[in-house]
Structure formats: C-alpha cells, structure tokens
Amino acid sequence: MHNSTKLQPGSSWVKRSLLLLGLLFSLGCQQAFALVENNLTCTPSGTTGVVNLGDLAPGQYFEARMTGSCRVTRNFPYGSSLQHTQVWTETVDTGLPIYAWAAAGGVVPEQPWGNASTTCMSPNGSVCQPMTVGTIAPYNVLFYMPSGVNRPGNYSITFALTSTSIRGYEAYVDKIQTLTLKFRIISPACTMGSNSTQNLNFGTLNSNDFATSQQLANITLNCTRGTQATATLVPTQSAVSGRPGVSATTLAGLSMAATWADNNTAVTFNSPRTLNLTTGTNTIRLGFRPSLNTSASPTGSFTSQYTLNINYL
C-alpha cells in the first residue's frame, strides 16, 4: 500500500505531460497547414472558361492548353512549383488518366496545392529559382489524353492549375487558372460492309482494250444514322505529274487512272472528298483504268496499289 501511494502523483504528472504534448502537437499541425494565398496575380492569355469539344469518337485523342503569366506579389525565397487537379463530372470514365506537361519541360503532377512538385514556374523555363515582388513568370501547360475516352456518353472535366512555394514555404499557394472541357463520346455511325482489301483482276490486255478495260471497286458502309464522311485515296506508286488521278504502275510505260464512279471525275490524290452518308447501306465506287504512257508499248505483268481512308463519326 505504501508503494502504491507513492506512485499516484507520478502517474498524474505523466498524464498531464502527455496531455500538454498532445495540445502542442495539435497546435503545431494547425499552423503548418494554414495556406496563404494571393502571392501571385495571374492573367490567362489563351483558352479560358468552358470549351465545348463537340462529338468525339471512342478513343479519340484530345488536348487543352493553359497559357498566361503571373506577377509575383510576395517574395518566393526558393521558387514556386506547379501542380494541378482534375475533376470529372457527368459520366465518369474509368480509362487512362489525362496527363499535364509544362512546355518549358517537366510533368505537372496531379496533386493538391500545398504539395510542392519538382516542376517550377519562373522567368527562365521550369528552373526553380527565387522570385522577388514584381517578377513576371509565364506558364504554358498542355493537358492531353493519349487514348481518349471509350465509353459513349456526355463528359465534363475541369482542370485547376495551381502554384505551391517550395523548400519549407509550401503554405504559400495560389490558383493560377481553371479550364473546363465538355464533349460527347458517340459510337461510330457506320461499319464496313465490304472487305477491307479488294483485288481487281484486269486479265490479259492489248492496246485495243485500254479504252474500255475499267474495273470498279465497290466499298460499302452500313450506317445506323446519317453522317458526313471524308474519303481520301492515296496511291502507293507515285502520282503522274500533270495528269489528275493518274499514278504509275509497277510496269514501266503503263499508268493507272482513278475516278470517282458516281460522277466520273478524276480523283485528286491525298485530298479528302466530302460525302453525305445516309441511314442504311452506302456504296463508294471507284473506277480504275490502265493508261498507256506516250509512245510506250510495255509488255509484262503489273500491279497498282491504293489506300482509301474514310473518316466519319
């Protein structure tokens, strides 16, 4: 009993000490995380507010850029770093993230302000350096999604670019700029109804056959709704100068003329033609006709290759 009585005052002192230390720790934490704003005055020079990207295909790449400059209103002893946040609204995608890259060099990480990054804003690119009052620091940050969004729906995402001072001054923070992107992901209106590769066989030809030896390539598209498309024909062999729609074959002295069969006009290579596709089956028809070069009488087999690129939403 005597020993127990002696220990009671000591136990009470330990409790009071722990309580005091706990209060000090709590006060210290509150002071460390108090954020101080209005260290910069920033003026955007590029896109601001809400940007409507319209309709995008599943997986289509998209990007947005923030540009501008900030004037320092409170000294940064070691410099100020960049970071950003991104918030999806409406339909939320579960695909790959969007990345941010400073044009001066360096990743702008997705993290809250108050957490410094290693990419700084400064008058000299992305170099972290002291900035005194009156210093002008430009910013140029690209936000991009390489793989795009895959799931159809309406989307909205807001980017917030922020600044956090570094090396013990992380409490000094600022909102630099916000930008909201809105877009709709829609399923492709059409699918290919014909084979992606077609072979046209001209058989055996003589000089009397060239005027009537045209072969047709029929490319069909099955569309669930009306849409606008562009079709571009690209020859593998070189185009013949001064002869629209004519390209070389693998046989010297023999060329191939390509036409749009619906209006019998020569194809302009590498130039998109706009087409209005309707609900149901649509057919794009291309005509190909061998053509002798001047004063040539070639013999032998030949091939001529093309790629038709069709773009639509």
Protein backbone atom coordinates (compact mmCIF):
# COMPACT_ATOMS: atom_id res chain seq x y z
CA MET A 1 0.00 0.00 0.00
CA HIS A 2 2.79 2.39 0.83
CA ASN A 3 4.43 1.85 -2.58
CA SER A 4 1.11 2.37 -4.36
CA THR A 5 0.58 5.72 -2.63
CA LYS A 6 3.97 6.98 -3.80
CA LEU A 7 3.23 6.13 -7.46
CA GLN A 8 -0.03 8.08 -7.70
CA PRO A 9 1.47 11.61 -8.01
CA GLY A 10 3.94 10.38 -10.63
CA SER A 11 1.15 8.80 -12.70
CA SER A 12 -0.84 12.02 -12.60
CA TRP A 13 2.19 14.02 -13.80
CA VAL A 14 2.70 11.65 -16.72
CA LYS A 15 -0.92 12.11 -17.80
CA ARG A 16 -0.63 15.90 -17.60
CA SER A 17 2.61 15.79 -19.61
CA LEU A 18 1.05 13.66 -22.31
CA LEU A 19 -1.94 15.96 -22.47
CA LEU A 20 0.32 19.03 -22.79
CA LEU A 21 2.39 17.42 -25.54
CA GLY A 22 -0.77 16.44 -27.36
CA LEU A 23 -2.03 20.03 -27.31
CA LEU A 24 1.29 21.35 -28.54
CA PHE A 25 1.31 18.84 -31.37
CA SER A 26 -2.23 19.76 -32.34
CA LEU A 27 -1.40 23.47 -32.39
CA GLY A 28 1.72 22.83 -34.42
CA CYS A 29 -0.22 20.86 -37.06
CA GLN A 30 -2.81 23.60 -37.47
CA GLN A 31 -0.11 26.20 -38.00
CA ALA A 32 1.80 24.03 -40.52
CA PHE A 33 -1.21 23.52 -42.79
CA ALA A 34 -2.59 27.07 -42.82
CA LEU A 35 -2.48 28.09 -46.51
CA VAL A 36 -1.66 31.64 -47.58
CA GLU A 37 -2.98 32.83 -50.95
CA ASN A 38 -2.62 35.99 -53.08
CA ASN A 39 1.10 35.56 -53.70
CA LEU A 40 0.58 35.83 -57.46
CA THR A 41 -1.62 37.83 -59.81
CA CYS A 42 -2.19 35.68 -62.90
CA THR A 43 -3.57 36.62 -66.31
CA PRO A 44 -4.51 33.89 -68.84
CA SER A 45 -3.60 34.59 -72.46
CA GLY A 46 -5.14 31.55 -74.15
CA THR A 47 -8.29 29.47 -73.80
CA THR A 48 -10.34 30.12 -70.66
CA GLY A 49 -13.68 29.16 -69.17
CA VAL A 50 -15.67 26.32 -70.74
CA VAL A 51 -14.58 24.72 -74.03
CA ASN A 52 -17.01 22.51 -75.95
CA LEU A 53 -15.10 19.92 -78.00
CA GLY A 54 -18.31 18.61 -79.60
CA ASP A 55 -18.65 14.98 -80.66
CA LEU A 56 -15.63 12.67 -80.37
CA ALA A 57 -15.17 9.09 -81.47
CA PRO A 58 -14.34 6.43 -78.84
CA GLY A 59 -10.63 6.56 -78.04
CA GLN A 60 -10.08 9.85 -79.89
CA TYR A 61 -7.14 11.91 -78.67
CA PHE A 62 -7.91 15.33 -77.25
CA GLU A 63 -5.97 18.09 -75.57
CA ALA A 64 -6.26 21.53 -73.99
CA ARG A 65 -3.65 24.13 -73.19
CA MET A 66 -3.37 26.78 -70.48
CA THR A 67 -1.16 29.77 -71.18
CA GLY A 68 -0.58 33.08 -69.46
CA SER A 69 1.68 34.84 -66.99
CA CYS A 70 1.78 35.60 -63.28
CA ARG A 71 3.14 38.64 -61.46
CA VAL A 72 4.76 37.94 -58.09
CA THR A 73 3.17 39.93 -55.24
CA ARG A 74 5.01 38.24 -52.33
CA ASN A 75 8.61 37.00 -52.43
CA PHE A 76 9.29 33.34 -53.15
CA PRO A 77 12.63 32.62 -51.41
CA TYR A 78 13.34 29.48 -53.46
CA GLY A 79 10.72 29.47 -56.18
CA SER A 80 7.24 28.18 -56.85
CA SER A 81 6.17 24.80 -58.26
CA LEU A 82 3.26 23.77 -60.47
CA GLN A 83 0.65 21.09 -59.84
CA HIS A 84 -2.94 20.51 -60.93
CA THR A 85 -6.20 18.78 -60.09
CA GLN A 86 -8.77 17.29 -62.46
CA VAL A 87 -12.40 16.58 -61.64
CA TRP A 88 -14.72 14.53 -63.87
CA THR A 89 -18.43 15.26 -63.78
CA GLU A 90 -21.47 13.82 -65.55
CA THR A 91 -20.42 10.38 -66.91
CA VAL A 92 -17.18 9.27 -65.24
CA ASP A 93 -14.66 7.40 -67.36
CA THR A 94 -12.63 4.54 -65.91
CA GLY A 95 -9.97 4.58 -68.63
CA LEU A 96 -6.50 6.07 -68.72
CA PRO A 97 -5.76 9.37 -66.95
CA ILE A 98 -5.12 12.75 -68.50
CA TYR A 99 -1.54 14.00 -68.33
CA ALA A 100 -0.17 17.52 -67.93
CA TRP A 101 3.15 18.71 -69.32
CA ALA A 102 4.82 22.10 -68.96
CA ALA A 103 6.07 23.45 -72.29
CA ALA A 104 9.27 24.57 -70.58
CA GLY A 105 9.87 20.94 -69.57
CA GLY A 106 8.60 18.69 -66.80
CA VAL A 107 5.48 16.83 -65.72
CA VAL A 108 2.88 18.88 -63.86
CA PRO A 109 1.62 16.24 -61.40
CA GLU A 110 -1.96 15.74 -60.32
CA GLN A 111 -1.88 16.59 -56.61
CA PRO A 112 -3.40 19.15 -54.22
CA TRP A 113 -1.86 22.57 -53.75
CA GLY A 114 0.28 22.76 -50.65
CA ASN A 115 2.24 19.77 -52.01
CA ALA A 116 5.22 21.05 -53.97
CA SER A 117 6.35 19.42 -57.22
CA THR A 118 9.73 19.47 -58.95
CA THR A 119 8.42 21.45 -61.95
CA CYS A 120 8.59 25.17 -61.28
CA MET A 121 7.28 28.32 -62.91
CA SER A 122 9.88 31.02 -63.45
CA PRO A 123 11.09 33.60 -65.97
CA ASN A 124 13.65 31.01 -67.14
CA GLY A 125 11.60 28.00 -68.18
CA SER A 126 10.97 25.41 -65.48
CA VAL A 127 14.08 26.22 -63.40
CA CYS A 128 13.30 26.57 -59.70
CA GLN A 129 14.70 29.91 -58.58
CA PRO A 130 13.90 32.75 -56.15
CA MET A 131 11.29 35.23 -57.38
CA THR A 132 11.00 38.71 -55.93
CA VAL A 133 7.98 41.01 -55.96
CA GLY A 134 7.29 42.24 -59.49
CA THR A 135 8.80 39.23 -61.27
CA ILE A 136 6.76 38.04 -64.27
CA ALA A 137 6.63 34.25 -64.66
CA PRO A 138 4.93 32.76 -67.74
CA TYR A 139 3.18 29.40 -67.80
CA ASN A 140 2.29 27.07 -70.65
CA VAL A 141 0.79 23.70 -69.71
CA LEU A 142 -0.63 21.07 -72.07
CA PHE A 143 -3.31 18.68 -70.80
CA TYR A 144 -3.80 15.64 -73.02
CA MET A 145 -5.39 12.19 -73.07
CA PRO A 146 -3.49 9.93 -75.50
CA SER A 147 -6.03 7.09 -75.54
CA GLY A 148 -9.17 9.17 -75.30
CA VAL A 149 -12.43 8.13 -73.64
CA ASN A 150 -14.03 4.91 -74.82
CA ARG A 151 -17.48 4.74 -73.25
CA PRO A 152 -20.26 6.67 -75.04
CA GLY A 153 -21.86 9.48 -73.05
CA ASN A 154 -21.60 13.14 -72.09
CA TYR A 155 -18.44 14.24 -70.32
CA SER A 156 -17.16 17.27 -68.48
CA ILE A 157 -13.77 17.66 -66.83
CA THR A 158 -12.36 20.66 -65.00
CA PHE A 159 -8.64 21.28 -64.67
CA ALA A 160 -7.26 23.58 -61.99
CA LEU A 161 -3.64 24.70 -62.31
CA THR A 162 -2.09 25.79 -59.01
CA SER A 163 1.17 27.08 -57.55
CA THR A 164 2.93 25.96 -54.37
CA SER A 165 6.08 27.55 -52.96
CA ILE A 166 8.97 25.17 -52.25
CA ARG A 167 11.59 24.25 -49.63
CA GLY A 168 9.73 24.94 -46.42
CA TYR A 169 7.34 27.57 -47.77
CA GLU A 170 4.67 25.15 -49.02
CA ALA A 171 1.94 27.08 -47.20
CA TYR A 172 2.11 29.80 -49.87
CA VAL A 173 -0.27 28.70 -52.62
CA ASP A 174 -2.28 30.19 -55.47
CA LYS A 175 -4.91 29.21 -58.01
CA ILE A 176 -3.48 30.10 -61.41
CA GLN A 177 -6.24 29.10 -63.85
CA THR A 178 -9.18 26.73 -64.30
CA LEU A 179 -10.47 25.27 -67.57
CA THR A 180 -13.48 23.03 -68.24
CA LEU A 181 -13.78 20.72 -71.26
CA LYS A 182 -17.14 19.37 -72.36
CA PHE A 183 -17.62 16.71 -75.04
CA ARG A 184 -19.75 13.79 -76.11
CA ILE A 185 -18.45 10.34 -76.99
CA ILE A 186 -20.62 8.72 -79.66
CA SER A 187 -20.49 5.26 -81.18
CA PRO A 188 -19.36 5.19 -84.82
CA ALA A 189 -22.28 5.79 -87.17
CA CYS A 190 -21.07 3.25 -89.75
CA THR A 191 -19.30 -0.05 -90.12
CA MET A 192 -17.61 -1.55 -93.16
CA GLY A 193 -19.88 -3.88 -95.11
CA SER A 194 -17.28 -4.92 -97.70
CA ASN A 195 -13.86 -6.49 -97.34
CA SER A 196 -11.11 -4.15 -96.20
CA THR A 197 -8.92 -5.47 -99.06
CA GLN A 198 -10.11 -5.77 -102.66
CA ASN A 199 -8.25 -7.22 -105.63
CA LEU A 200 -9.20 -6.21 -109.16
CA ASN A 201 -8.00 -8.50 -111.96
CA PHE A 202 -7.65 -6.99 -115.45
CA GLY A 203 -6.67 -10.27 -117.09
CA THR A 204 -4.74 -10.10 -120.37
CA LEU A 205 -4.84 -6.75 -122.19
CA ASN A 206 -3.74 -5.47 -125.56
CA SER A 207 -3.54 -1.91 -126.89
CA ASN A 208 -7.16 -2.04 -128.09
CA ASP A 209 -8.51 -2.83 -124.60
CA PHE A 210 -7.35 0.17 -122.62
CA ALA A 211 -10.26 2.45 -123.54
CA THR A 212 -12.86 0.01 -122.13
CA SER A 213 -10.99 -2.00 -119.54
CA GLN A 214 -12.19 -0.17 -116.42
CA GLN A 215 -12.63 -2.15 -113.19
CA LEU A 216 -14.80 -0.95 -110.29
CA ALA A 217 -14.08 -1.18 -106.57
CA ASN A 218 -17.28 -1.07 -104.51
CA ILE A 219 -16.82 -0.12 -100.84
CA THR A 220 -19.98 -0.40 -98.74
CA LEU A 221 -20.71 1.23 -95.41
CA ASN A 222 -23.66 0.25 -93.23
CA CYS A 223 -24.80 3.26 -91.20
CA THR A 224 -27.20 3.44 -88.27
CA ARG A 225 -27.69 7.17 -88.78
CA GLY A 226 -26.90 9.84 -91.31
CA THR A 227 -23.45 11.37 -91.02
CA GLN A 228 -20.84 13.23 -93.02
CA ALA A 229 -17.65 11.49 -94.05
CA THR A 230 -14.47 12.23 -95.98
CA ALA A 231 -12.82 9.78 -98.37
CA THR A 232 -9.17 10.14 -99.37
CA LEU A 233 -7.42 7.96 -101.96
CA VAL A 234 -3.67 7.53 -101.52
CA PRO A 235 -1.64 5.75 -104.25
CA THR A 236 1.27 3.52 -103.29
CA GLN A 237 3.02 4.23 -106.60
CA SER A 238 3.96 7.80 -107.48
CA ALA A 239 1.39 10.18 -109.00
CA VAL A 240 1.97 11.25 -112.59
CA SER A 241 2.59 14.99 -112.76
CA GLY A 242 0.07 16.97 -114.80
CA ARG A 243 -2.43 14.09 -115.04
CA PRO A 244 -5.06 14.26 -112.24
CA GLY A 245 -5.96 10.87 -110.83
CA VAL A 246 -3.17 9.06 -112.71
CA SER A 247 -0.42 7.15 -110.94
CA ALA A 248 2.35 4.82 -112.07
CA THR A 249 2.14 1.04 -112.03
CA THR A 250 4.94 -1.44 -111.47
CA LEU A 251 5.28 -1.81 -115.27
CA ALA A 252 7.28 0.95 -116.95
CA GLY A 253 5.25 2.76 -119.59
CA LEU A 254 1.88 1.85 -118.06
CA SER A 255 -0.10 4.08 -115.69
CA MET A 256 -3.44 3.72 -113.89
CA ALA A 257 -6.24 6.31 -113.92
CA ALA A 258 -8.56 6.50 -110.89
CA THR A 259 -12.02 8.12 -110.98
CA TRP A 260 -14.99 8.57 -108.68
CA ALA A 261 -17.52 6.37 -110.47
CA ASP A 262 -20.61 8.25 -109.27
CA ASN A 263 -19.67 11.42 -111.18
CA ASN A 264 -16.88 10.11 -113.45
CA THR A 265 -14.38 12.72 -112.24
CA ALA A 266 -10.68 12.15 -111.71
CA VAL A 267 -9.62 11.50 -108.15
CA THR A 268 -7.43 14.14 -106.57
CA PHE A 269 -4.92 12.05 -104.64
CA ASN A 270 -4.36 12.76 -100.93
CA SER A 271 -7.24 15.24 -100.94
CA PRO A 272 -10.40 14.40 -98.94
CA ARG A 273 -13.76 14.30 -100.71
CA THR A 274 -16.78 15.07 -98.54
CA LEU A 275 -19.60 12.50 -98.67
CA ASN A 276 -23.05 12.57 -97.06
CA LEU A 277 -23.86 9.09 -95.77
CA THR A 278 -27.46 8.11 -95.07
CA THR A 279 -29.06 5.53 -92.80
CA GLY A 280 -28.67 2.07 -94.32
CA THR A 281 -26.18 0.84 -96.93
CA ASN A 282 -23.94 3.36 -98.69
CA THR A 283 -21.63 2.44 -101.56
CA ILE A 284 -18.48 4.32 -102.55
CA ARG A 285 -17.46 3.35 -106.09
CA LEU A 286 -14.01 3.89 -107.57
CA GLY A 287 -13.07 3.19 -111.18
CA PHE A 288 -9.60 2.12 -112.28
CA ARG A 289 -8.45 2.06 -115.92
CA PRO A 290 -4.97 1.25 -117.29
CA SER A 291 -3.46 4.04 -119.36
CA LEU A 292 -0.52 3.84 -121.76
CA ASN A 293 2.15 6.47 -121.50
CA THR A 294 3.00 8.37 -124.68
CA SER A 295 4.91 6.27 -127.26
CA ALA A 296 5.09 3.31 -124.87
CA SER A 297 4.35 -0.32 -125.72
CA PRO A 298 5.00 -2.18 -122.48
CA THR A 299 4.65 -5.91 -122.01
CA GLY A 300 4.54 -7.90 -118.82
CA SER A 301 2.52 -8.08 -115.63
CA PHE A 302 1.74 -5.09 -113.44
CA THR A 303 0.22 -4.08 -110.12
CA SER A 304 -1.09 -0.80 -108.80
CA GLN A 305 -1.99 -0.26 -105.15
CA TYR A 306 -4.07 2.31 -103.29
CA THR A 307 -5.33 3.00 -99.79
CA LEU A 308 -8.76 4.57 -99.29
CA ASN A 309 -9.10 6.36 -95.94
CA ILE A 310 -12.69 7.07 -94.79
CA ASN A 311 -13.23 9.25 -91.74
CA TYR A 312 -16.60 9.71 -90.05
CA LEU A 313 -18.19 9.95 -86.64
